[in-house]
N, C-alpha and C. Protein backbone atom coordinates (compact mmCIF):
# COMPACT_ATOMS: atom_id res chain seq x y z
N MET A 1 135.57 117.53 114.17
CA MET A 1 135.03 117.01 115.20
C MET A 1 135.49 115.56 115.89
N LYS A 2 135.64 115.15 117.01
CA LYS A 2 136.78 114.15 117.91
C LYS A 2 135.67 113.40 117.36
N ALA A 3 136.47 111.98 117.35
CA ALA A 3 135.54 110.61 116.53
C ALA A 3 135.33 110.03 117.52
N GLY A 4 134.57 109.24 117.77
CA GLY A 4 134.50 108.16 118.60
C GLY A 4 132.86 108.83 120.07
N ILE A 5 132.67 109.91 119.85
CA ILE A 5 131.62 110.81 121.19
C ILE A 5 130.30 111.15 120.60
N HIS A 6 130.34 110.97 119.02
CA HIS A 6 128.80 110.84 118.77
C HIS A 6 127.56 109.29 118.90
N PRO A 7 126.82 109.97 119.08
CA PRO A 7 125.40 108.34 119.21
C PRO A 7 125.94 107.97 117.76
N ASN A 8 125.57 107.06 117.95
CA ASN A 8 124.58 106.55 116.22
C ASN A 8 122.90 106.91 115.92
N TYR A 9 123.81 107.35 115.02
CA TYR A 9 122.27 108.01 114.61
C TYR A 9 121.38 107.15 113.30
N HIS A 10 120.78 106.25 113.80
CA HIS A 10 120.14 105.75 112.53
C HIS A 10 118.54 105.36 112.01
N GLU A 11 117.23 104.73 111.56
CA GLU A 11 116.55 104.92 111.65
C GLU A 11 115.86 104.06 112.48
N VAL A 12 114.64 104.13 113.05
CA VAL A 12 113.50 103.87 114.38
C VAL A 12 112.17 104.00 113.16
N LYS A 13 111.92 102.74 113.70
CA LYS A 13 110.73 102.38 113.60
C LYS A 13 109.87 103.06 114.66
N VAL A 14 108.48 103.26 114.41
CA VAL A 14 107.16 103.90 115.99
C VAL A 14 106.31 103.30 115.64
N VAL A 15 105.81 103.47 116.61
CA VAL A 15 104.51 102.26 116.65
C VAL A 15 104.33 102.04 118.03
N CYS A 16 102.78 103.48 117.58
CA CYS A 16 101.67 103.72 118.24
C CYS A 16 101.05 103.12 118.94
N SER A 17 100.53 103.01 119.99
CA SER A 17 99.37 102.15 120.56
C SER A 17 98.11 102.45 120.26
N CYS A 18 97.78 102.96 118.60
CA CYS A 18 96.35 103.77 117.72
C CYS A 18 96.93 103.14 117.03
N GLY A 19 98.27 101.91 116.79
CA GLY A 19 98.54 100.93 115.41
C GLY A 19 99.54 101.84 114.77
N ASN A 20 98.93 103.77 114.71
CA ASN A 20 99.80 104.02 113.32
C ASN A 20 101.21 103.81 113.64
N ASN A 21 102.07 103.49 112.38
CA ASN A 21 103.82 103.11 111.97
C ASN A 21 104.13 104.16 111.84
N PHE A 22 105.38 104.34 112.25
CA PHE A 22 106.08 105.23 110.72
C PHE A 22 108.40 104.99 111.45
N VAL A 23 108.38 105.46 110.38
CA VAL A 23 110.51 105.67 110.14
C VAL A 23 111.00 106.56 110.93
N THR A 24 111.27 106.57 111.38
CA THR A 24 112.08 107.79 111.64
C THR A 24 113.45 108.29 111.71
N ARG A 25 114.57 109.35 112.17
CA ARG A 25 115.68 108.10 112.00
C ARG A 25 115.94 109.23 113.87
N SER A 26 117.21 108.27 114.69
CA SER A 26 117.10 109.44 115.72
C SER A 26 118.35 108.32 116.60
N THR A 27 118.87 109.34 117.81
CA THR A 27 119.71 108.35 118.69
C THR A 27 118.64 107.10 119.68
N TYR A 28 118.10 106.52 119.03
CA TYR A 28 117.84 105.56 120.57
C TYR A 28 117.90 104.11 120.04
N ASP A 29 118.99 103.71 120.89
CA ASP A 29 119.71 102.21 121.53
C ASP A 29 118.99 101.33 119.74
N LYS A 30 117.82 100.99 120.19
CA LYS A 30 116.96 99.65 119.93
C LYS A 30 116.67 100.29 118.49
N ASP A 31 115.86 99.34 117.50
CA ASP A 31 115.21 99.21 116.62
C ASP A 31 113.37 99.39 116.56
N GLU A 32 113.37 99.88 117.21
CA GLU A 32 111.40 100.11 117.71
C GLU A 32 111.34 101.14 118.59
N LEU A 33 110.76 101.79 118.54
CA LEU A 33 110.43 102.87 119.82
C LEU A 33 108.53 102.81 120.33
N HIS A 34 107.52 101.78 121.51
CA HIS A 34 107.45 102.58 121.28
C HIS A 34 106.05 103.49 122.31
N ILE A 35 105.21 104.52 121.28
CA ILE A 35 105.09 105.40 122.06
C ILE A 35 103.51 105.52 122.45
N GLU A 36 102.98 106.35 123.41
CA GLU A 36 100.98 105.96 123.84
C GLU A 36 100.19 106.82 122.23
N VAL A 37 100.66 108.02 122.88
CA VAL A 37 100.37 109.08 121.48
C VAL A 37 101.30 109.39 120.20
N CYS A 38 99.96 109.62 118.99
CA CYS A 38 101.30 110.53 118.00
C CYS A 38 100.08 111.15 117.93
N SER A 39 100.23 112.38 115.92
CA SER A 39 99.57 112.81 115.73
C SER A 39 98.33 112.36 115.00
N ALA A 40 97.97 111.13 115.11
CA ALA A 40 97.22 110.26 114.18
C ALA A 40 95.95 110.35 115.38
N CYS A 41 96.24 110.44 117.00
CA CYS A 41 95.68 109.54 117.64
C CYS A 41 95.33 110.68 118.64
N HIS A 42 96.54 111.68 118.91
CA HIS A 42 96.28 112.92 119.82
C HIS A 42 94.76 114.36 119.39
N PRO A 43 94.34 114.42 120.68
CA PRO A 43 93.26 114.85 120.29
C PRO A 43 93.02 116.50 119.37
N PHE A 44 94.52 117.22 119.69
CA PHE A 44 94.74 118.38 119.93
C PHE A 44 94.91 118.08 117.80
N TYR A 45 95.73 117.18 117.45
CA TYR A 45 95.83 117.35 115.62
C TYR A 45 93.95 116.85 115.37
N THR A 46 93.68 115.66 115.92
CA THR A 46 92.40 115.26 115.34
C THR A 46 91.41 116.18 115.83
N GLY A 47 91.02 117.24 116.22
CA GLY A 47 90.11 118.03 115.96
C GLY A 47 88.96 117.90 117.36
N GLN A 48 89.55 116.67 117.52
CA GLN A 48 88.30 116.71 119.19
C GLN A 48 88.96 116.82 120.98
N GLN A 49 89.85 118.25 119.99
CA GLN A 49 89.94 119.10 122.17
C GLN A 49 89.00 119.34 122.78
N LYS A 50 88.86 119.02 123.88
CA LYS A 50 87.72 119.83 124.38
C LYS A 50 88.25 121.27 125.66
N LEU A 51 87.52 121.72 125.51
CA LEU A 51 88.61 122.89 126.60
C LEU A 51 88.01 122.34 128.04
N MET A 52 88.65 122.19 128.95
CA MET A 52 88.04 121.82 130.65
C MET A 52 88.07 123.85 130.82
N ASP A 53 86.67 123.65 131.28
CA ASP A 53 86.38 124.98 132.31
C ASP A 53 86.21 124.95 132.93
N THR A 54 86.85 125.62 133.95
CA THR A 54 86.37 125.16 135.27
C THR A 54 85.96 126.39 136.30
N ALA A 55 84.58 126.87 137.11
CA ALA A 55 84.17 127.68 137.54
C ALA A 55 83.84 128.77 136.04
N GLY A 56 83.66 128.46 135.14
CA GLY A 56 83.60 130.18 133.96
C GLY A 56 84.41 130.76 133.52
N ARG A 57 86.22 129.93 134.00
CA ARG A 57 86.85 131.15 133.21
C ARG A 57 87.27 131.22 131.97
N VAL A 58 86.78 130.48 130.88
CA VAL A 58 86.83 130.79 129.86
C VAL A 58 86.19 132.27 129.51
N ASP A 59 84.51 131.82 130.15
CA ASP A 59 83.33 132.72 129.22
C ASP A 59 84.29 133.87 130.02
N LYS A 60 84.50 134.06 131.28
CA LYS A 60 84.96 134.80 131.83
C LYS A 60 86.05 136.04 131.33
N PHE A 61 86.85 135.49 130.58
CA PHE A 61 88.20 135.67 130.22
C PHE A 61 87.74 136.64 128.24
N LYS A 62 86.03 135.66 128.06
CA LYS A 62 85.77 136.18 126.44
C LYS A 62 85.06 137.26 127.00
N LYS A 63 84.46 137.28 127.48
CA LYS A 63 83.11 138.47 128.15
C LYS A 63 84.20 139.56 127.90
N ARG A 64 85.60 140.11 128.66
CA ARG A 64 86.88 140.57 128.93
C ARG A 64 87.79 141.02 128.08
N PHE A 65 87.70 140.18 126.90
CA PHE A 65 89.04 140.51 126.06
C PHE A 65 88.56 139.95 124.57
N GLY A 66 87.60 139.42 124.40
CA GLY A 66 86.51 138.59 123.33
C GLY A 66 85.65 139.55 122.78
N ARG A 67 85.48 139.57 121.19
CA ARG A 67 84.53 141.11 121.02
C ARG A 67 82.78 140.37 120.25
């Protein structure tokens, strides 16, 4: 491997807008990274995800292929 061509890989504190904090390792050049959505507040991971059914497409699919 060539010396001096790889980015610096260090610990970064990630701060979500919901207030959740965690530490990870990254090549991000600052010590703190601010994000809007994390696994603690994302609807998919919290179980609050809602299916948007426009024109009955989900029901039509379930009738054709579901049991």
